[in-house]
Protein backbone atom coordinates (compact mmCIF):
# COMPACT_ATOMS: atom_id res chain seq x y z
CA MET A 1 59.30 127.00 91.97
CA ASN A 2 61.47 129.99 91.08
CA SER A 3 62.80 130.35 87.61
CA VAL A 4 66.15 128.83 86.86
CA PRO A 5 69.17 131.24 87.18
CA ILE A 6 71.47 131.98 84.31
CA PRO A 7 75.13 132.95 84.78
CA GLU A 8 76.29 136.07 83.20
CA ASN A 9 78.75 134.24 81.11
CA ASP A 10 76.19 131.60 79.92
CA ALA A 11 76.92 132.18 76.11
CA ASP A 12 80.78 131.57 76.74
CA ARG A 13 79.98 128.72 79.11
CA ILE A 14 77.86 126.86 76.43
CA ARG A 15 80.55 127.42 73.62
CA LYS A 16 83.18 126.06 75.95
CA LEU A 17 81.02 122.93 76.74
CA GLN A 18 80.34 122.37 73.07
CA ALA A 19 84.03 122.62 72.26
CA TYR A 20 84.69 119.40 74.25
CA SER A 21 82.38 117.57 71.84
CA ILE A 22 81.10 115.49 74.83
CA LEU A 23 77.34 115.97 74.77
CA ASP A 24 75.26 112.96 73.60
CA THR A 25 78.42 110.46 73.48
CA LEU A 26 78.39 106.92 74.60
CA PRO A 27 79.21 105.86 78.18
CA GLU A 28 82.88 105.63 79.14
CA GLN A 29 84.46 103.55 82.00
CA ASP A 30 86.62 106.33 83.45
CA TYR A 31 83.64 108.56 84.04
CA ASP A 32 81.43 105.74 85.23
CA ASP A 33 84.13 104.86 87.84
CA ILE A 34 84.06 108.44 89.17
CA THR A 35 80.47 108.32 89.78
CA ARG A 36 80.52 105.10 91.54
CA LEU A 37 83.30 106.37 93.82
CA ALA A 38 81.22 109.50 94.55
CA SER A 39 78.12 107.44 95.29
CA LEU A 40 80.33 105.08 97.62
CA ILE A 41 82.08 107.93 99.47
CA CYS A 42 78.84 109.97 100.14
CA GLU A 43 76.74 106.87 100.74
CA SER A 44 74.06 108.32 98.23
CA PRO A 45 71.86 106.21 95.94
CA ILE A 46 72.24 108.59 92.99
CA SER A 47 75.41 110.20 91.49
CA LEU A 48 75.66 112.03 88.33
CA ILE A 49 78.02 113.70 86.06
CA SER A 50 75.73 116.44 84.70
CA LEU A 51 76.47 118.68 81.96
CA VAL A 52 74.20 121.94 81.51
CA ASP A 53 73.73 123.31 77.89
CA GLU A 54 71.27 125.79 76.68
CA HIS A 55 67.97 123.88 77.39
CA ARG A 56 68.85 120.73 79.51
CA GLN A 57 71.27 119.00 81.84
CA TRP A 58 72.56 115.85 80.01
CA PHE A 59 74.23 113.01 82.01
CA LYS A 60 77.48 111.75 80.83
CA SER A 61 77.43 109.15 83.60
CA ARG A 62 74.99 108.22 86.17
CA VAL A 63 74.50 106.03 89.15
CA GLY A 64 70.80 105.49 90.05
CA PRO A 65 68.39 107.07 87.53
CA ASP A 66 67.27 105.68 84.17
CA ALA A 67 66.74 109.20 82.65
CA GLN A 68 69.65 110.49 80.42
CA GLU A 69 68.50 114.18 80.65
CA THR A 70 66.07 116.50 82.32
CA PRO A 71 65.02 120.16 81.30
CA ARG A 72 67.33 122.99 82.46
CA GLU A 73 64.62 124.65 84.35
CA HIS A 74 64.26 121.53 86.60
CA ALA A 75 67.92 121.17 87.28
CA PHE A 76 69.52 121.38 90.70
CA CYS A 77 72.74 121.69 88.90
CA ALA A 78 71.66 124.82 86.92
CA HIS A 79 71.73 126.50 90.49
CA SER A 80 74.97 124.85 91.38
CA ILE A 81 76.97 126.33 88.39
CA MET A 82 76.19 129.79 89.52
CA THR A 83 78.71 129.23 92.37
CA PRO A 84 81.73 127.72 90.62
CA ASP A 85 84.11 127.95 93.74
CA ASP A 86 81.58 126.28 96.26
CA VAL A 87 79.82 122.96 96.84
CA PHE A 88 76.05 123.55 96.41
CA ILE A 89 74.22 121.76 99.24
CA VAL A 90 70.42 121.47 99.66
CA ASN A 91 69.78 119.50 102.81
CA ASP A 92 65.94 119.07 102.26
CA ALA A 93 64.65 120.25 98.90
CA SER A 94 60.97 119.74 100.07
CA LYS A 95 61.57 122.66 102.70
CA ASP A 96 63.48 124.84 100.20
CA ALA A 97 61.41 127.66 98.55
CA ARG A 98 63.60 127.24 95.26
CA PHE A 99 62.83 123.47 94.88
CA GLU A 100 59.79 122.46 96.93
CA GLN A 101 57.57 122.65 93.92
CA ASN A 102 60.27 121.07 91.44
CA PRO A 103 58.86 117.99 89.54
CA LEU A 104 62.08 116.11 90.67
CA VAL A 105 60.96 116.78 94.16
CA THR A 106 57.33 116.16 94.02
CA GLY A 107 57.68 113.10 91.71
CA GLU A 108 60.42 110.68 90.72
CA PRO A 109 63.16 110.53 91.70
CA ASP A 110 61.78 112.40 94.90
CA ILE A 111 64.97 114.22 95.57
CA ARG A 112 65.44 115.56 99.12
CA PHE A 113 69.24 115.93 99.53
CA TYR A 114 71.54 117.29 96.87
CA ALA A 115 75.03 118.15 96.83
CA GLY A 116 76.82 119.22 93.69
CA VAL A 117 80.45 120.35 92.86
CA PRO A 118 80.71 122.46 89.66
CA LEU A 119 82.97 121.11 86.87
CA VAL A 120 85.00 124.13 86.12
CA ALA A 121 87.11 124.38 82.89
CA PRO A 122 90.92 125.61 83.22
CA SER A 123 89.49 128.85 81.53
CA GLY A 124 86.92 129.18 84.33
CA GLU A 125 83.63 128.22 82.87
CA ALA A 126 81.35 126.03 85.01
CA LEU A 127 80.34 123.19 82.49
CA GLY A 128 78.05 121.20 84.82
CA THR A 129 78.48 119.44 87.97
CA LEU A 130 79.45 116.24 89.85
CA CYS A 131 76.60 115.63 92.16
CA VAL A 132 75.18 113.22 94.66
CA ILE A 133 71.44 112.90 95.47
CA ASP A 134 69.47 111.12 98.11
CA ARG A 135 65.75 110.53 98.70
CA GLN A 136 66.10 111.41 102.33
CA PRO A 137 66.94 114.74 103.97
CA ARG A 138 70.60 114.61 105.26
CA GLU A 139 73.94 116.42 105.57
CA LEU A 140 77.37 116.17 103.77
CA THR A 141 80.33 115.83 105.93
CA LEU A 142 83.56 118.03 105.42
CA ALA A 143 85.52 114.73 104.29
CA GLN A 144 82.79 113.89 101.74
CA ALA A 145 82.69 117.42 100.48
CA ASP A 146 86.62 117.42 99.92
CA ALA A 147 86.19 114.11 98.22
CA LEU A 148 83.59 115.50 95.73
CA ARG A 149 85.76 118.39 95.03
CA LEU A 150 88.80 116.00 94.30
CA LEU A 151 86.61 113.79 91.95
CA SER A 152 85.24 116.72 90.15
CA ARG A 153 88.84 117.78 89.35
CA LEU A 154 89.25 114.36 87.84
CA VAL A 155 86.17 114.77 85.73
CA VAL A 156 87.47 117.89 84.35
CA SER A 157 90.84 116.08 83.68
CA GLN A 158 89.07 113.40 81.80
CA LEU A 159 87.37 116.17 79.60
CA GLU A 160 90.61 117.78 79.00
CA MET A 161 92.41 114.51 78.06
CA ARG A 162 89.52 113.71 75.72
CA HIS A 163 89.85 116.95 74.12
CA ASP A 164 93.48 116.59 73.77
CA ILE A 165 92.96 113.17 72.00
CA GLU A 166 90.63 114.89 69.43
CA ASN A 167 93.19 117.55 68.93
CA ILE A 168 95.89 114.99 68.45
CA GLU A 169 93.82 113.06 65.99
CA GLN A 170 93.20 116.29 63.91
CA SER A 171 96.95 117.27 64.05
CA LEU A 172 97.81 113.75 62.79
CA LEU A 173 96.15 114.82 59.52
CA ASP A 174 98.02 117.93 59.20
CA GLN A 175 101.49 117.33 60.69
CA GLY A 176 104.15 114.68 61.44
CA ASP A 177 105.14 115.63 65.14
CA HIS A 178 102.36 113.51 66.62
CA VAL A 179 104.57 111.04 68.48
CA ALA A 180 105.60 113.47 71.31
CA ARG A 181 101.90 114.59 71.85
CA LEU A 182 100.76 111.09 72.02
CA GLU A 183 103.40 110.14 74.55
CA ASP A 184 102.24 113.18 76.45
CA TYR A 185 98.83 112.10 76.54
CA LYS A 186 99.71 108.64 77.51
CA ARG A 187 101.70 110.08 80.51
CA LYS A 188 98.59 112.11 81.55
CA MET A 189 96.44 109.10 81.20
CA ASP A 190 98.85 106.96 83.10
CA GLU A 191 99.00 109.57 85.87
CA SER A 192 95.31 109.83 85.91
CA HIS A 193 94.82 106.11 86.23
CA ALA A 194 97.43 105.99 88.88
CA ASN A 195 95.79 108.70 90.96
CA LEU A 196 92.40 106.72 90.60
CA ARG A 197 94.21 103.35 91.80
CA VAL A 198 95.57 105.34 94.91
CA GLN A 199 92.33 106.97 95.70
CA SER A 200 90.39 103.56 95.42
CA VAL A 201 92.52 102.37 98.27
CA THR A 202 92.85 105.37 100.52
CA ASP A 203 90.62 106.75 103.10
CA VAL A 204 89.44 110.13 102.29
CA LEU A 205 89.25 111.40 105.91
CA THR A 206 92.55 110.05 107.36
CA GLY A 207 94.69 109.54 104.27
CA LEU A 208 95.30 105.98 105.54
CA LEU A 209 94.56 102.70 103.74
CA ASN A 210 90.90 102.06 103.54
CA ARG A 211 89.07 98.86 103.95
CA ARG A 212 89.73 97.72 100.40
CA GLY A 213 93.47 98.67 100.57
CA LEU A 214 93.64 96.98 104.20
CA ARG A 215 92.27 93.73 102.99
CA THR A 216 94.68 93.52 99.89
CA ARG A 217 97.67 94.32 102.17
CA LEU A 218 96.44 91.90 104.83
CA ALA A 219 96.10 89.04 102.24
CA GLU A 220 99.71 89.81 100.92
CA GLU A 221 101.32 89.74 104.37
CA PHE A 222 99.37 86.67 105.45
CA ASP A 223 100.42 84.80 102.32
CA ARG A 224 104.20 85.76 102.73
CA ALA A 225 104.01 84.63 106.41
CA LYS A 226 102.54 81.36 105.47
CA ARG A 227 104.89 80.92 102.57
CA GLU A 228 108.05 81.82 104.49
CA GLN A 229 106.94 80.78 107.95
CA SER A 230 107.78 84.29 109.17
CA LEU A 231 106.43 86.30 112.07
CA PHE A 232 103.14 88.56 111.55
CA SER A 233 100.76 90.17 113.78
CA LEU A 234 97.70 92.11 113.69
CA LEU A 235 96.00 94.77 115.75
CA VAL A 236 92.26 95.89 115.49
CA ILE A 237 91.71 99.11 117.20
CA ASP A 238 88.46 100.70 118.08
CA VAL A 239 87.48 104.15 119.72
CA ASP A 240 85.71 103.66 123.00
CA GLU A 241 82.38 105.20 123.31
CA PHE A 242 82.64 106.90 119.86
CA LYS A 243 78.86 107.08 119.44
CA SER A 244 78.34 109.12 122.39
CA PHE A 245 80.97 111.37 121.28
CA ASN A 246 79.25 111.81 118.06
CA ASP A 247 75.93 112.17 119.77
CA THR A 248 77.36 114.85 122.21
CA TYR A 249 79.51 116.79 119.80
CA GLY A 250 78.37 116.21 116.46
CA HIS A 251 79.93 114.29 113.28
CA GLN A 252 82.31 116.89 112.29
CA ALA A 253 83.96 116.77 115.75
CA GLY A 254 83.99 113.10 115.52
CA ASP A 255 85.68 113.21 112.11
CA LYS A 256 88.33 115.44 113.52
CA ILE A 257 88.98 112.84 116.18
CA LEU A 258 89.31 110.13 113.57
CA GLU A 259 91.54 112.38 111.47
CA MET A 260 93.82 113.02 114.46
CA LEU A 261 93.84 109.33 115.46
CA GLY A 262 94.99 108.36 112.06
CA ALA A 263 97.98 110.68 112.30
CA LEU A 264 98.86 109.48 115.89
CA LEU A 265 98.84 105.78 114.64
CA LYS A 266 101.14 106.70 111.95
CA ASP A 267 103.48 108.37 114.59
CA VAL A 268 103.64 105.55 117.15
CA THR A 269 103.90 102.54 114.60
CA ARG A 270 107.06 101.59 112.72
CA VAL A 271 107.82 102.68 109.17
CA TYR A 272 107.13 99.28 107.77
CA ASP A 273 103.91 98.71 109.57
CA SER A 274 100.69 99.08 107.57
CA VAL A 275 97.99 101.37 109.15
CA GLY A 276 94.42 101.90 107.88
CA ARG A 277 90.92 102.69 108.80
CA PHE A 278 88.66 99.53 108.39
CA GLY A 279 85.47 101.48 108.74
CA GLY A 280 83.77 103.91 111.25
CA GLU A 281 85.85 104.14 114.24
CA GLU A 282 87.78 100.91 113.69
CA PHE A 283 91.39 100.99 112.83
CA VAL A 284 93.85 98.10 111.85
CA VAL A 285 97.48 97.89 112.13
CA LEU A 286 99.55 95.13 110.28
CA LEU A 287 102.76 94.20 112.08
CA PRO A 288 105.10 92.19 109.78
CA GLY A 289 108.05 90.46 111.68
CA SER A 290 106.30 90.87 115.13
CA ASP A 291 105.29 87.91 117.42
CA THR A 292 102.54 88.39 120.15
CA GLN A 293 104.92 89.76 122.71
CA GLY A 294 106.21 92.35 120.28
CA ALA A 295 102.61 93.23 119.00
CA ARG A 296 101.65 93.58 122.59
CA VAL A 297 104.42 96.09 123.21
CA ILE A 298 103.23 98.01 120.20
CA ALA A 299 99.59 97.84 121.19
CA GLU A 300 100.21 99.19 124.83
CA ARG A 301 102.40 101.87 123.45
CA THR A 302 99.57 102.86 121.15
CA ARG A 303 96.99 102.69 123.83
CA ARG A 304 99.13 104.89 126.14
CA ALA A 305 99.74 107.52 123.38
CA VAL A 306 96.07 107.77 122.79
CA GLN A 307 95.13 108.10 126.55
CA ARG A 308 97.76 110.80 127.10
CA HIS A 309 97.21 112.82 123.87
CA ALA A 310 95.47 116.10 123.95
CA TRP A 311 92.00 115.72 122.60
CA PRO A 312 89.33 118.48 121.80
CA ASN A 313 86.20 118.41 123.83
CA ARG A 314 86.99 115.26 125.99
CA ASN A 315 89.43 112.57 126.55
CA VAL A 316 89.67 109.66 124.02
CA THR A 317 90.71 106.00 124.76
CA VAL A 318 90.91 102.91 122.46
CA SER A 319 90.61 99.18 123.09
CA ILE A 320 92.96 96.96 121.02
CA GLY A 321 92.67 93.28 120.01
CA ILE A 322 95.86 91.45 119.05
CA ALA A 323 96.41 88.21 116.97
CA THR A 324 99.35 86.52 115.58
CA TYR A 325 99.58 84.26 112.77
CA ALA A 326 99.74 80.55 113.57
CA ASP A 327 100.23 77.57 111.32
CA ASN A 328 96.62 76.38 111.83
CA MET A 329 94.98 79.58 110.20
CA GLU A 330 93.94 78.99 106.60
CA SER A 331 93.27 82.53 105.43
CA ALA A 332 93.73 86.15 106.53
CA ALA A 333 90.25 86.17 107.47
CA ASP A 334 91.16 83.63 110.35
CA LEU A 335 93.76 86.05 111.67
CA PHE A 336 91.45 89.17 111.40
CA GLU A 337 88.60 87.24 113.31
CA ALA A 338 90.94 86.25 116.00
CA ALA A 339 92.06 89.92 116.52
CA ASP A 340 88.43 91.07 116.33
CA SER A 341 87.41 88.56 119.00
CA ALA A 342 90.21 89.76 121.26
CA LEU A 343 89.08 93.36 120.60
CA TYR A 344 85.68 92.17 121.64
CA LYS A 345 87.19 90.90 124.82
CA ALA A 346 88.89 94.08 125.63
CA LYS A 347 85.54 95.85 125.32
CA GLU A 348 83.87 93.49 127.54
CA ASN A 349 86.79 93.76 130.20
CA GLY A 350 86.14 97.35 130.66
CA ARG A 351 87.66 99.26 127.53
CA ASN A 352 91.00 101.25 127.23
CA ARG A 353 92.99 97.99 127.29
CA CYS A 354 94.66 95.46 125.05
CA GLU A 355 93.85 91.87 124.89
CA SER A 356 95.43 89.02 122.85
CA ALA A 357 93.65 86.22 120.98
CA ALA A 358 93.59 83.00 122.75
């Protein structure tokens, strides 16, 4: 194992880290929420907020391992902070000369894949990383890398706000103008929390609602239709033969198709419809005020728009299942299952078609 690299500004970097007074503090929910999001988005069993001081890397938040810290000479994050502007990725540590003899690779936690985004202070020092780790060799998608960058900026924002609190508390002892600063802190905190709430219901790749956001919106619209006896329909859309597309052209090309499809769905639906990515290559459109006939018009318009669109690599088509709220439905799940069954029928009947629930 090669010796750990040391940044030229390491002394300044450590002084900056110590100024945040974050090392060896108790767990905090705001940081734990970020590591959980990173773990979910990157589908990794381990996620860490790692801060690198003179002799160790210390974990402010962690998903997976029990250890609170490890020696700096073993830290992948010590390598990551050498390139503050880049995502540092190791696809298979057991085949990387820098890490193949590392105790964290040869023993617990058996690291194979690592991706770390440096936590860069506003003044430019890399304090540590937000990283995700897997015990299997793998790759990071472009969308996952972008998400890690976004979350790393949120970590730094939390550090800055925490530092602001300490400064405010000190200023309260010395001066009487604390009210304005406290209000500014509260505004920053509210904005940060609002951003986290938005991100928790937003699909990173497409910018549409994610599964969680769709389920919440679907339940709201279903309850409204049931309460007011109003019209409400649902489309479940699936990209035809998407696995073979990924197998042929790669996952990055597949991600590009999903991103383009998300934008196309927003264009062909109405402004008050809700569009989201339910998972994988499956999308959902909520159509308040639409009966089955109206929903079929929108579904066919969507199917034709996809078929006629200029796609990279090869043509893309979709199959669409349609379902409409009925009095005998007890929950939003009933409506979704009806649309999903109709989608299955569209697949069975040859794909690139729309089918309505019975």
